[in-house]
PDB file of N, CA and C in Angstrom:
ATOM      1  N   MET A   1       0.850  -1.129   0.055  1.00  0.00           N
ATOM      2  CA  MET A   1       0.107   0.062   0.022  1.00  0.00           C
ATOM      3  C   MET A   1       0.927   1.174   0.025  1.00  0.00           C
ATOM      4  N   SER A   2       0.810   2.043  -1.024  1.00  0.00           N
ATOM      5  CA  SER A   2       1.423   3.329  -1.062  1.00  0.00           C
ATOM      6  C   SER A   2       0.652   4.446  -0.437  1.00  0.00           C
ATOM      7  N   VAL A   3       1.291   5.217   0.504  1.00  0.00           N
ATOM      8  CA  VAL A   3       0.593   6.303   1.187  1.00  0.00           C
ATOM      9  C   VAL A   3       1.219   7.666   0.808  1.00  0.00           C
ATOM     10  N   LEU A   4       0.524   8.648   0.587  1.00  0.00           N
ATOM     11  CA  LEU A   4       0.966   9.876   0.215  1.00  0.00           C
ATOM     12  C   LEU A   4       0.463  10.973   1.111  1.00  0.00           C
ATOM     13  N   ALA A   5       1.206  11.903   1.574  1.00  0.00           N
ATOM     14  CA  ALA A   5       0.572  13.132   2.232  1.00  0.00           C
ATOM     15  C   ALA A   5       0.760  14.303   1.099  1.00  0.00           C
ATOM     16  N   ARG A   6      -0.298  14.906   1.002  1.00  0.00           N
ATOM     17  CA  ARG A   6      -0.436  15.982  -0.071  1.00  0.00           C
ATOM     18  C   ARG A   6      -1.252  17.059   0.388  1.00  0.00           C
ATOM     19  N   LYS A   7      -0.730  18.375   0.015  1.00  0.00           N
ATOM     20  CA  LYS A   7      -1.440  19.526   0.241  1.00  0.00           C
ATOM     21  C   LYS A   7      -1.600  20.279  -1.013  1.00  0.00           C
ATOM     22  N   GLY A   8      -2.593  21.051  -1.247  1.00  0.00           N
ATOM     23  CA  GLY A   8      -2.867  21.762  -2.506  1.00  0.00           C
ATOM     24  C   GLY A   8      -3.829  22.741  -2.385  1.00  0.00           C
ATOM     25  N   ASP A   9      -4.315  23.439  -3.555  1.00  0.00           N
ATOM     26  CA  ASP A   9      -5.125  24.497  -3.629  1.00  0.00           C
ATOM     27  C   ASP A   9      -5.851  24.492  -4.802  1.00  0.00           C
ATOM     28  N   PHE A  10      -7.078  25.144  -4.748  1.00  0.00           N
ATOM     29  CA  PHE A  10      -8.062  25.281  -5.782  1.00  0.00           C
ATOM     30  C   PHE A  10      -8.320  26.811  -5.800  1.00  0.00           C
ATOM     31  N   VAL A  11      -8.569  27.384  -6.984  1.00  0.00           N
ATOM     32  CA  VAL A  11      -9.077  28.606  -7.342  1.00  0.00           C
ATOM     33  C   VAL A  11     -10.540  28.402  -7.843  1.00  0.00           C
ATOM     34  N   LEU A  12     -11.466  28.734  -7.208  1.00  0.00           N
ATOM     35  CA  LEU A  12     -12.910  28.552  -7.719  1.00  0.00           C
ATOM     36  C   LEU A  12     -13.873  29.720  -7.714  1.00  0.00           C
ATOM     37  N   THR A  13     -14.840  29.555  -8.488  1.00  0.00           N
ATOM     38  CA  THR A  13     -16.021  30.550  -8.579  1.00  0.00           C
ATOM     39  C   THR A  13     -16.882  30.054  -7.509  1.00  0.00           C
ATOM     40  N   ALA A  14     -17.793  31.050  -7.227  1.00  0.00           N
ATOM     41  CA  ALA A  14     -18.770  30.722  -6.136  1.00  0.00           C
ATOM     42  C   ALA A  14     -19.653  29.463  -6.329  1.00  0.00           C
ATOM     43  N   SER A  15     -19.934  29.142  -7.486  1.00  0.00           N
ATOM     44  CA  SER A  15     -20.827  27.996  -7.821  1.00  0.00           C
ATOM     45  C   SER A  15     -20.031  26.751  -7.876  1.00  0.00           C
ATOM     46  N   GLU A  16     -18.792  26.842  -7.866  1.00  0.00           N
ATOM     47  CA  GLU A  16     -17.813  25.640  -7.729  1.00  0.00           C
ATOM     48  C   GLU A  16     -17.465  25.289  -6.307  1.00  0.00           C
ATOM     49  N   VAL A  17     -17.725  26.000  -5.411  1.00  0.00           N
ATOM     50  CA  VAL A  17     -17.259  25.902  -3.989  1.00  0.00           C
ATOM     51  C   VAL A  17     -17.855  24.633  -3.418  1.00  0.00           C
ATOM     52  N   ASN A  18     -19.337  24.581  -3.263  1.00  0.00           N
ATOM     53  CA  ASN A  18     -19.946  23.598  -2.406  1.00  0.00           C
ATOM     54  C   ASN A  18     -19.709  22.158  -3.174  1.00  0.00           C
ATOM     55  N   PRO A  19     -19.855  22.096  -4.525  1.00  0.00           N
ATOM     56  CA  PRO A  19     -19.525  20.755  -5.167  1.00  0.00           C
ATOM     57  C   PRO A  19     -18.164  20.173  -4.907  1.00  0.00           C
ATOM     58  N   VAL A  20     -17.077  21.118  -4.889  1.00  0.00           N
ATOM     59  CA  VAL A  20     -15.641  20.570  -4.667  1.00  0.00           C
ATOM     60  C   VAL A  20     -15.599  20.173  -3.239  1.00  0.00           C
ATOM     61  N   VAL A  21     -16.209  21.095  -2.374  1.00  0.00           N
ATOM     62  CA  VAL A  21     -15.979  20.528  -0.817  1.00  0.00           C
ATOM     63  C   VAL A  21     -16.731  19.263  -0.647  1.00  0.00           C
ATOM     64  N   ARG A  22     -17.871  19.069  -1.207  1.00  0.00           N
ATOM     65  CA  ARG A  22     -18.440  17.778  -0.882  1.00  0.00           C
ATOM     66  C   ARG A  22     -17.646  16.592  -1.548  1.00  0.00           C
ATOM     67  N   ALA A  23     -17.001  16.817  -2.752  1.00  0.00           N
ATOM     68  CA  ALA A  23     -16.172  15.753  -3.278  1.00  0.00           C
ATOM     69  C   ALA A  23     -14.949  15.463  -2.608  1.00  0.00           C
ATOM     70  N   LEU A  24     -14.101  16.654  -1.999  1.00  0.00           N
ATOM     71  CA  LEU A  24     -13.161  16.273  -1.359  1.00  0.00           C
ATOM     72  C   LEU A  24     -13.368  15.523   0.056  1.00  0.00           C
ATOM     73  N   ARG A  25     -14.377  16.148   0.783  1.00  0.00           N
ATOM     74  CA  ARG A  25     -14.944  15.472   1.935  1.00  0.00           C
ATOM     75  C   ARG A  25     -15.209  14.094   1.921  1.00  0.00           C
ATOM     76  N   SER A  26     -15.823  13.746   0.712  1.00  0.00           N
ATOM     77  CA  SER A  26     -16.398  12.298   0.647  1.00  0.00           C
ATOM     78  C   SER A  26     -15.030  11.318   0.462  1.00  0.00           C
ATOM     79  N   HIS A  27     -14.087  11.871   0.239  1.00  0.00           N
ATOM     80  CA  HIS A  27     -12.799  11.115   0.060  1.00  0.00           C
ATOM     81  C   HIS A  27     -11.794  11.391   1.176  1.00  0.00           C
ATOM     82  N   ASP A  28     -12.282  12.037   2.322  1.00  0.00           N
ATOM     83  CA  ASP A  28     -11.627  12.207   3.401  1.00  0.00           C
ATOM     84  C   ASP A  28     -10.345  13.003   3.368  1.00  0.00           C
ATOM     85  N   ILE A  29     -10.530  13.998   2.351  1.00  0.00           N
ATOM     86  CA  ILE A  29      -9.534  15.243   2.227  1.00  0.00           C
ATOM     87  C   ILE A  29     -10.040  16.348   2.919  1.00  0.00           C
ATOM     88  N   GLU A  30      -9.004  16.941   3.716  1.00  0.00           N
ATOM     89  CA  GLU A  30      -9.515  17.847   4.747  1.00  0.00           C
ATOM     90  C   GLU A  30      -9.397  19.255   3.921  1.00  0.00           C
ATOM     91  N   ILE A  31     -10.327  20.035   4.310  1.00  0.00           N
ATOM     92  CA  ILE A  31     -10.348  21.621   3.715  1.00  0.00           C
ATOM     93  C   ILE A  31      -9.536  22.339   4.869  1.00  0.00           C
ATOM     94  N   THR A  32      -8.485  23.021   4.700  1.00  0.00           N
ATOM     95  CA  THR A  32      -7.744  23.611   5.731  1.00  0.00           C
ATOM     96  C   THR A  32      -7.986  25.048   5.681  1.00  0.00           C
ATOM     97  N   ALA A  33      -8.534  25.656   4.729  1.00  0.00           N
ATOM     98  CA  ALA A  33      -8.894  27.137   4.506  1.00  0.00           C
ATOM     99  C   ALA A  33      -9.725  27.345   3.404  1.00  0.00           C
ATOM    100  N   LEU A  34     -10.413  28.267   3.615  1.00  0.00           N
ATOM    101  CA  LEU A  34     -11.354  28.960   2.350  1.00  0.00           C
ATOM    102  C   LEU A  34     -11.529  30.317   2.418  1.00  0.00           C
ATOM    103  N   HIS A  35     -11.142  30.960   1.700  1.00  0.00           N
ATOM    104  CA  HIS A  35     -11.346  32.501   1.719  1.00  0.00           C
ATOM    105  C   HIS A  35     -11.581  33.113   0.371  1.00  0.00           C
ATOM    106  N   ASN A  36     -12.007  34.376   0.154  1.00  0.00           N
ATOM    107  CA  ASN A  36     -12.220  34.772  -1.101  1.00  0.00           C
ATOM    108  C   ASN A  36     -11.590  36.303  -1.187  1.00  0.00           C
ATOM    109  N   GLU A  37     -11.438  36.648  -2.474  1.00  0.00           N
ATOM    110  CA  GLU A  37     -10.832  37.850  -2.776  1.00  0.00           C
ATOM    111  C   GLU A  37     -11.674  38.456  -3.924  1.00  0.00           C
ATOM    112  N   GLU A  38     -11.422  39.787  -4.298  1.00  0.00           N
ATOM    113  CA  GLU A  38     -11.951  40.574  -5.486  1.00  0.00           C
ATOM    114  C   GLU A  38     -11.088  40.386  -6.505  1.00  0.00           C
ATOM    115  N   PRO A  39     -11.375  40.025  -7.810  1.00  0.00           N
ATOM    116  CA  PRO A  39     -12.848  39.631  -8.109  1.00  0.00           C
ATOM    117  C   PRO A  39     -13.289  38.455  -7.380  1.00  0.00           C
ATOM    118  N   ARG A  40     -14.472  38.059  -7.431  1.00  0.00           N
ATOM    119  CA  ARG A  40     -15.050  37.055  -6.591  1.00  0.00           C
ATOM    120  C   ARG A  40     -14.564  35.747  -6.957  1.00  0.00           C
ATOM    121  N   LEU A  41     -13.353  35.401  -6.337  1.00  0.00           N
ATOM    122  CA  LEU A  41     -12.793  34.141  -6.619  1.00  0.00           C
ATOM    123  C   LEU A  41     -12.545  33.494  -4.892  1.00  0.00           C
ATOM    124  N   PHE A  42     -12.645  32.351  -4.957  1.00  0.00           N
ATOM    125  CA  PHE A  42     -12.437  31.443  -3.635  1.00  0.00           C
ATOM    126  C   PHE A  42     -11.181  30.729  -3.755  1.00  0.00           C
ATOM    127  N   PHE A  43     -10.457  30.887  -2.733  1.00  0.00           N
ATOM    128  CA  PHE A  43      -9.094  29.994  -2.547  1.00  0.00           C
ATOM    129  C   PHE A  43      -9.225  29.096  -1.608  1.00  0.00           C
ATOM    130  N   MET A  44      -9.205  27.834  -2.071  1.00  0.00           N
ATOM    131  CA  MET A  44      -9.508  26.616  -1.107  1.00  0.00           C
ATOM    132  C   MET A  44      -8.201  25.920  -0.948  1.00  0.00           C
ATOM    133  N   HIS A  45      -7.711  25.597   0.198  1.00  0.00           N
ATOM    134  CA  HIS A  45      -6.494  24.857   0.616  1.00  0.00           C
ATOM    135  C   HIS A  45      -6.839  23.590   1.198  1.00  0.00           C
ATOM    136  N   PHE A  46      -6.167  22.363   0.844  1.00  0.00           N
ATOM    137  CA  PHE A  46      -6.746  21.116   1.286  1.00  0.00           C
ATOM    138  C   PHE A  46      -5.334  20.405   1.887  1.00  0.00           C
ATOM    139  N   TRP A  47      -5.651  19.435   2.456  1.00  0.00           N
ATOM    140  CA  TRP A  47      -4.508  18.510   3.149  1.00  0.00           C
ATOM    141  C   TRP A  47      -4.966  16.985   3.059  1.00  0.00           C
ATOM    142  N   ALA A  48      -4.335  16.222   2.767  1.00  0.00           N
ATOM    143  CA  ALA A  48      -4.848  14.752   2.856  1.00  0.00           C
ATOM    144  C   ALA A  48      -3.591  13.860   3.037  1.00  0.00           C
ATOM    145  N   ASN A  49      -3.722  12.686   3.769  1.00  0.00           N
ATOM    146  CA  ASN A  49      -2.535  11.735   3.997  1.00  0.00           C
ATOM    147  C   ASN A  49      -3.374  10.467   3.991  1.00  0.00           C
ATOM    148  N   ASP A  50      -3.303   9.761   2.803  1.00  0.00           N
ATOM    149  CA  ASP A  50      -4.090   8.450   2.673  1.00  0.00           C
ATOM    150  C   ASP A  50      -3.352   7.766   1.496  1.00  0.00           C
ATOM    151  N   GLU A  51      -4.016   6.669   1.083  1.00  0.00           N
ATOM    152  CA  GLU A  51      -3.476   5.831  -0.062  1.00  0.00           C
ATOM    153  C   GLU A  51      -3.589   6.661  -1.391  1.00  0.00           C
ATOM    154  N   VAL A  52      -2.593   6.446  -2.169  1.00  0.00           N
ATOM    155  CA  VAL A  52      -2.403   7.127  -3.414  1.00  0.00           C
ATOM    156  C   VAL A  52      -3.679   7.112  -4.273  1.00  0.00           C
ATOM    157  N   SER A  53      -4.175   5.857  -4.419  1.00  0.00           N
ATOM    158  CA  SER A  53      -5.441   5.650  -5.212  1.00  0.00           C
ATOM    159  C   SER A  53      -6.492   6.397  -4.666  1.00  0.00           C
ATOM    160  N   LYS A  54      -6.730   6.326  -3.450  1.00  0.00           N
ATOM    161  CA  LYS A  54      -7.885   7.156  -2.867  1.00  0.00           C
ATOM    162  C   LYS A  54      -7.990   8.586  -2.998  1.00  0.00           C
ATOM    163  N   LEU A  55      -6.683   9.161  -2.851  1.00  0.00           N
ATOM    164  CA  LEU A  55      -6.434  10.437  -3.054  1.00  0.00           C
ATOM    165  C   LEU A  55      -6.665  10.974  -4.488  1.00  0.00           C
ATOM    166  N   ALA A  56      -6.059  10.003  -5.421  1.00  0.00           N
ATOM    167  CA  ALA A  56      -6.340  10.422  -6.782  1.00  0.00           C
ATOM    168  C   ALA A  56      -7.730  10.388  -7.257  1.00  0.00           C
ATOM    169  N   ARG A  57      -8.613   9.555  -6.632  1.00  0.00           N
ATOM    170  CA  ARG A  57     -10.047   9.428  -6.799  1.00  0.00           C
ATOM    171  C   ARG A  57     -10.757  10.645  -6.408  1.00  0.00           C
ATOM    172  N   GLY A  58     -10.398  11.221  -5.151  1.00  0.00           N
ATOM    173  CA  GLY A  58     -10.893  12.301  -4.526  1.00  0.00           C
ATOM    174  C   GLY A  58     -10.534  13.583  -5.344  1.00  0.00           C
ATOM    175  N   LEU A  59      -9.421  13.657  -5.803  1.00  0.00           N
ATOM    176  CA  LEU A  59      -8.869  14.784  -6.565  1.00  0.00           C
ATOM    177  C   LEU A  59      -9.633  14.902  -7.838  1.00  0.00           C
ATOM    178  N   GLU A  60      -9.698  13.780  -8.487  1.00  0.00           N
ATOM    179  CA  GLU A  60     -10.363  13.587  -9.838  1.00  0.00           C
ATOM    180  C   GLU A  60     -11.857  13.952  -9.717  1.00  0.00           C
ATOM    181  N   GLU A  61     -12.475  13.626  -8.699  1.00  0.00           N
ATOM    182  CA  GLU A  61     -13.951  13.850  -8.483  1.00  0.00           C
ATOM    183  C   GLU A  61     -14.002  15.354  -8.402  1.00  0.00           C
ATOM    184  N   ALA A  62     -13.087  16.082  -7.375  1.00  0.00           N
ATOM    185  CA  ALA A  62     -13.184  17.341  -7.122  1.00  0.00           C
ATOM    186  C   ALA A  62     -13.115  18.231  -8.534  1.00  0.00           C
ATOM    187  N   LEU A  63     -12.168  17.760  -9.285  1.00  0.00           N
ATOM    188  CA  LEU A  63     -11.846  18.549 -10.598  1.00  0.00           C
ATOM    189  C   LEU A  63     -12.911  18.287 -11.533  1.00  0.00           C
ATOM    190  N   ARG A  64     -13.906  17.421 -11.467  1.00  0.00           N
ATOM    191  CA  ARG A  64     -15.032  17.363 -12.303  1.00  0.00           C
ATOM    192  C   ARG A  64     -15.946  18.568 -12.130  1.00  0.00           C
ATOM    193  N   HIS A  65     -15.844  19.163 -10.924  1.00  0.00           N
ATOM    194  CA  HIS A  65     -16.802  20.297 -10.623  1.00  0.00           C
ATOM    195  C   HIS A  65     -16.144  21.495 -10.783  1.00  0.00           C
ATOM    196  N   VAL A  66     -14.963  21.633 -11.399  1.00  0.00           N
ATOM    197  CA  VAL A  66     -14.120  22.793 -11.618  1.00  0.00           C
ATOM    198  C   VAL A  66     -14.192  23.191 -13.201  1.00  0.00           C
ATOM    199  N   ASN A  67     -14.705  24.476 -13.703  1.00  0.00           N
ATOM    200  CA  ASN A  67     -14.884  24.679 -14.933  1.00  0.00           C
ATOM    201  C   ASN A  67     -13.273  25.075 -15.456  1.00  0.00           C
ATOM    202  N   ARG A  68     -12.744  24.090 -16.118  1.00  0.00           N
ATOM    203  CA  ARG A  68     -11.171  24.257 -16.450  1.00  0.00           C
ATOM    204  C   ARG A  68     -11.037  23.972 -17.746  1.00  0.00           C
ATOM    205  N   LYS A  69     -10.190  24.390 -18.467  1.00  0.00           N
ATOM    206  CA  LYS A  69      -9.887  24.032 -19.956  1.00  0.00           C
ATOM    207  C   LYS A  69      -9.271  22.732 -20.004  1.00  0.00           C
ATOM    208  N   ARG A  70     -10.003  21.968 -20.901  1.00  0.00           N
ATOM    209  CA  ARG A  70      -9.458  20.559 -20.948  1.00  0.00           C
ATOM    210  C   ARG A  70      -8.852  20.414 -22.289  1.00  0.00           C
ATOM    211  N   GLU A  71      -7.698  19.945 -22.407  1.00  0.00           N
ATOM    212  CA  GLU A  71      -6.995  19.663 -23.657  1.00  0.00           C
ATOM    213  C   GLU A  71      -7.118  18.373 -24.343  1.00  0.00           C
TER     214      GLU A  71
END
């Protein structure tokens, strides 16, 4: 079993915040801070320490809720 400690950040619009929070929490990824700035963007910081595959699934699910450019 490979275990990984990971911290990271998301920059989100208001409509993306709750779905991303739910996705991360459902995979036991802890939200360590959430704050906003002008223009209306939210900065979310997270921390996780778990199996690599579980973290990957959680981050993948969270990214599905973010309006990002896909190549």
